[in-house]
Amino acid sequence: MKKIDKEKIIPFLFILPSIILIAIFVYGFIGWTGWVSLVNWRDIFPDFTFVGFRNYIDLFQNYRFQISLKNTLVFTSLFLISSIIIGLLLAILVDRKIRGENIFRNIYLFPMAISFVVTGVVWRWLLNPGTGGIEGSIGINMLLDKLGLSFLKSGWYTDPKIGIKAVVIAAVWQMSGYVMAMYLAGIR
């Protein structure tokens, strides 16, 4: 019989509690959630009558879920593509060893340093469509009114056609500097 090597067993014993806790609180709950999604539990009181994929069929036939799924796919694709392209272009520009490179790099990274909550509040104010008219305009719409470009005013995030795209603008603004830093690290 093989002798157990203490140098291998002791580190394993140190991480064993973490392995057990992850198995229970991550994978155990994932399994539990998967099981609950296949039963008839629709109320505060559990009903473990097995219904199979009926819940999923009902979910995908729900109009609101279809809209949410479409918005998620549009947001994800536009956000990823825009962040990657803008981040790459910024990294290429910063890598040209221009004068004041550190300033530009800090300016591009600044949005990432701001809290997501603060960013959300500021962009919400900027893209708020207001109540209409010059007196009711807020944010970007007010700026467009002052510049005489009222025909460019939009409902921004309240407009069903461009609402998710307005959210993408805010997300890309915040994350493209981070993507730039990752590309810049790879380039150099």
Protein backbone atom coordinates (compact mmCIF):
# COMPACT_ATOMS: atom_id res chain seq x y z
CA MET A 1 0.00 0.00 0.00
CA LYS A 2 1.17 3.49 -0.85
CA LYS A 3 2.20 5.80 1.95
CA ILE A 4 0.08 8.99 2.12
CA ASP A 5 2.21 12.05 1.46
CA LYS A 6 1.67 14.68 4.20
CA GLU A 7 2.73 17.47 1.87
CA LYS A 8 -0.21 16.70 -0.40
CA ILE A 9 -2.89 15.88 2.15
CA ILE A 10 -2.44 18.89 4.48
CA PRO A 11 -3.11 21.56 1.79
CA PHE A 12 -6.13 19.55 0.66
CA LEU A 13 -7.47 19.47 4.23
CA PHE A 14 -7.09 23.25 4.43
CA ILE A 15 -9.24 23.84 1.34
CA LEU A 16 -11.71 21.02 2.09
CA PRO A 17 -14.10 23.28 4.09
CA SER A 18 -14.24 25.72 1.15
CA ILE A 19 -14.89 22.87 -1.27
CA ILE A 20 -17.73 21.57 0.91
CA LEU A 21 -19.29 25.03 1.36
CA ILE A 22 -19.09 25.80 -2.37
CA ALA A 23 -20.61 22.41 -3.17
CA ILE A 24 -23.54 23.12 -0.84
CA PHE A 25 -24.14 26.84 -1.26
CA VAL A 26 -23.36 27.19 -4.96
CA TYR A 27 -23.93 23.90 -6.74
CA GLY A 28 -26.50 22.63 -4.26
CA PHE A 29 -28.63 25.75 -4.68
CA ILE A 30 -28.22 25.66 -8.45
CA GLY A 31 -29.57 22.10 -8.38
CA TRP A 32 -32.40 23.12 -6.04
CA THR A 33 -33.37 26.01 -8.29
CA GLY A 34 -33.34 23.68 -11.30
CA TRP A 35 -35.65 21.25 -9.48
CA VAL A 36 -38.04 24.00 -8.35
CA SER A 37 -38.28 25.23 -11.95
CA LEU A 38 -39.69 21.85 -12.94
CA VAL A 39 -42.45 21.66 -10.30
CA ASN A 40 -45.80 23.40 -9.84
CA TRP A 41 -44.64 25.78 -7.08
CA ARG A 42 -46.44 29.05 -7.96
CA ASP A 43 -47.44 30.34 -4.54
CA ILE A 44 -45.92 31.02 -1.15
CA PHE A 45 -46.63 27.43 -0.15
CA PRO A 46 -44.54 24.81 -1.94
CA ASP A 47 -46.20 22.40 -4.34
CA PHE A 48 -43.72 19.80 -5.56
CA THR A 49 -45.98 18.29 -8.20
CA PHE A 50 -43.69 17.59 -11.14
CA VAL A 51 -44.76 19.46 -14.30
CA GLY A 52 -41.61 19.09 -16.39
CA PHE A 53 -40.88 21.83 -18.88
CA ARG A 54 -44.39 23.33 -18.76
CA ASN A 55 -43.07 26.31 -16.74
CA TYR A 56 -40.47 27.00 -19.42
CA ILE A 57 -43.03 26.71 -22.21
CA ASP A 58 -45.29 29.19 -20.36
CA LEU A 59 -42.32 31.49 -19.79
CA PHE A 60 -41.25 31.60 -23.44
CA GLN A 61 -44.86 32.21 -24.52
CA ASN A 62 -45.11 35.22 -22.19
CA TYR A 63 -44.98 38.45 -24.21
CA ARG A 64 -43.19 40.42 -21.48
CA PHE A 65 -40.50 37.76 -21.20
CA GLN A 66 -39.98 37.84 -24.97
CA ILE A 67 -39.46 41.61 -24.82
CA SER A 68 -37.06 41.24 -21.90
CA LEU A 69 -35.12 38.53 -23.71
CA LYS A 70 -34.90 40.67 -26.86
CA ASN A 71 -33.71 43.67 -24.82
CA THR A 72 -31.11 41.55 -23.09
CA LEU A 73 -29.78 40.21 -26.38
CA VAL A 74 -29.72 43.67 -27.99
CA PHE A 75 -28.02 45.23 -24.95
CA THR A 76 -25.44 42.46 -24.68
CA SER A 77 -24.51 42.45 -28.35
CA LEU A 78 -24.36 46.24 -28.73
CA PHE A 79 -22.51 46.66 -25.43
CA LEU A 80 -19.87 44.04 -26.18
CA ILE A 81 -19.27 45.09 -29.78
CA SER A 82 -19.12 48.81 -28.94
CA SER A 83 -16.92 48.39 -25.86
CA ILE A 84 -14.47 46.17 -27.70
CA ILE A 85 -14.21 48.44 -30.75
CA ILE A 86 -13.98 51.71 -28.80
CA GLY A 87 -11.58 50.17 -26.27
CA LEU A 88 -9.32 48.89 -29.05
CA LEU A 89 -9.34 52.25 -30.85
CA LEU A 90 -8.53 54.10 -27.61
CA ALA A 91 -5.71 51.64 -26.85
CA ILE A 92 -4.23 52.12 -30.32
CA LEU A 93 -4.42 55.91 -29.93
CA VAL A 94 -2.83 55.90 -26.47
CA ASP A 95 -0.10 53.47 -27.58
CA ARG A 96 1.22 55.95 -30.16
CA LYS A 97 3.48 57.50 -27.48
CA ILE A 98 1.78 60.87 -27.79
CA ARG A 99 2.55 63.79 -25.53
CA GLY A 100 0.40 63.72 -22.41
CA GLU A 101 -0.36 60.02 -22.74
CA ASN A 102 -0.86 59.62 -18.97
CA ILE A 103 -3.50 62.35 -18.97
CA PHE A 104 -5.45 60.73 -21.80
CA ARG A 105 -5.17 57.30 -20.19
CA ASN A 106 -6.51 58.68 -16.90
CA ILE A 107 -9.35 60.51 -18.65
CA TYR A 108 -10.39 57.31 -20.44
CA LEU A 109 -10.17 55.27 -17.23
CA PHE A 110 -12.01 57.84 -15.10
CA PRO A 111 -15.53 56.56 -15.88
CA MET A 112 -14.54 53.12 -14.57
CA ALA A 113 -13.54 54.68 -11.23
CA ILE A 114 -17.00 56.17 -10.73
CA SER A 115 -19.58 54.07 -8.93
CA PHE A 116 -22.21 52.34 -11.09
CA VAL A 117 -24.90 54.02 -8.98
CA VAL A 118 -23.49 57.51 -9.55
CA THR A 119 -23.08 56.81 -13.26
CA GLY A 120 -26.67 55.57 -13.47
CA VAL A 121 -28.05 58.65 -11.74
CA VAL A 122 -26.08 61.07 -13.93
CA TRP A 123 -27.02 59.31 -17.17
CA ARG A 124 -30.63 59.12 -16.01
CA TRP A 125 -30.61 62.89 -15.61
CA LEU A 126 -28.83 63.45 -18.94
CA LEU A 127 -31.22 61.21 -20.87
CA ASN A 128 -34.38 62.32 -19.08
CA PRO A 129 -36.79 63.45 -21.81
CA GLY A 130 -38.50 65.98 -19.55
CA THR A 131 -42.11 67.05 -19.84
CA GLY A 132 -41.91 68.66 -23.28
CA GLY A 133 -41.44 72.23 -24.41
CA ILE A 134 -38.38 74.36 -23.71
CA GLU A 135 -39.30 74.83 -20.05
CA GLY A 136 -39.78 71.08 -19.52
CA SER A 137 -36.58 69.90 -21.21
CA ILE A 138 -33.84 68.39 -19.09
CA GLY A 139 -30.31 67.17 -19.80
CA ILE A 140 -29.38 66.56 -23.43
CA ASN A 141 -32.83 67.65 -24.65
CA MET A 142 -32.34 71.01 -22.92
CA LEU A 143 -28.97 71.41 -24.64
CA LEU A 144 -30.54 70.60 -28.01
CA ASP A 145 -33.27 73.19 -27.34
CA LYS A 146 -30.71 75.88 -26.45
CA LEU A 147 -28.71 75.13 -29.60
CA GLY A 148 -31.82 75.34 -31.78
CA LEU A 149 -31.73 71.65 -32.60
CA SER A 150 -35.10 70.76 -31.08
CA PHE A 151 -35.82 68.40 -33.96
CA LEU A 152 -33.12 66.06 -32.56
CA LYS A 153 -34.85 65.75 -29.17
CA SER A 154 -35.75 62.23 -28.15
CA GLY A 155 -37.54 60.33 -25.46
CA TRP A 156 -34.21 58.52 -24.86
CA TYR A 157 -34.74 55.66 -22.44
CA THR A 158 -38.52 56.13 -22.41
CA ASP A 159 -38.77 55.62 -26.18
CA PRO A 160 -39.39 51.92 -26.97
CA LYS A 161 -37.40 52.14 -30.22
CA ILE A 162 -34.19 53.59 -28.79
CA GLY A 163 -34.56 53.02 -25.06
CA ILE A 164 -32.19 50.07 -24.74
CA LYS A 165 -29.67 51.82 -27.01
CA ALA A 166 -29.60 54.80 -24.64
CA VAL A 167 -28.74 52.44 -21.81
CA VAL A 168 -25.99 50.92 -23.98
CA ILE A 169 -24.47 54.40 -24.46
CA ALA A 170 -24.11 54.83 -20.70
CA ALA A 171 -22.68 51.34 -20.20
CA VAL A 172 -20.17 51.71 -23.04
CA TRP A 173 -19.08 55.10 -21.71
CA GLN A 174 -18.27 53.51 -18.37
CA MET A 175 -16.59 50.30 -19.58
CA SER A 176 -14.68 51.26 -22.74
CA GLY A 177 -11.80 52.71 -20.68
CA TYR A 178 -11.40 49.40 -18.88
CA VAL A 179 -11.35 47.55 -22.19
CA MET A 180 -8.77 50.07 -23.40
CA ALA A 181 -6.58 49.27 -20.37
CA MET A 182 -6.82 45.53 -21.10
CA TYR A 183 -5.89 46.02 -24.76
CA LEU A 184 -3.11 48.43 -23.84
CA ALA A 185 -1.65 45.88 -21.41
CA GLY A 186 -1.74 43.29 -24.19
CA ILE A 187 -0.23 45.60 -26.78
CA ARG A 188 2.67 46.60 -24.55
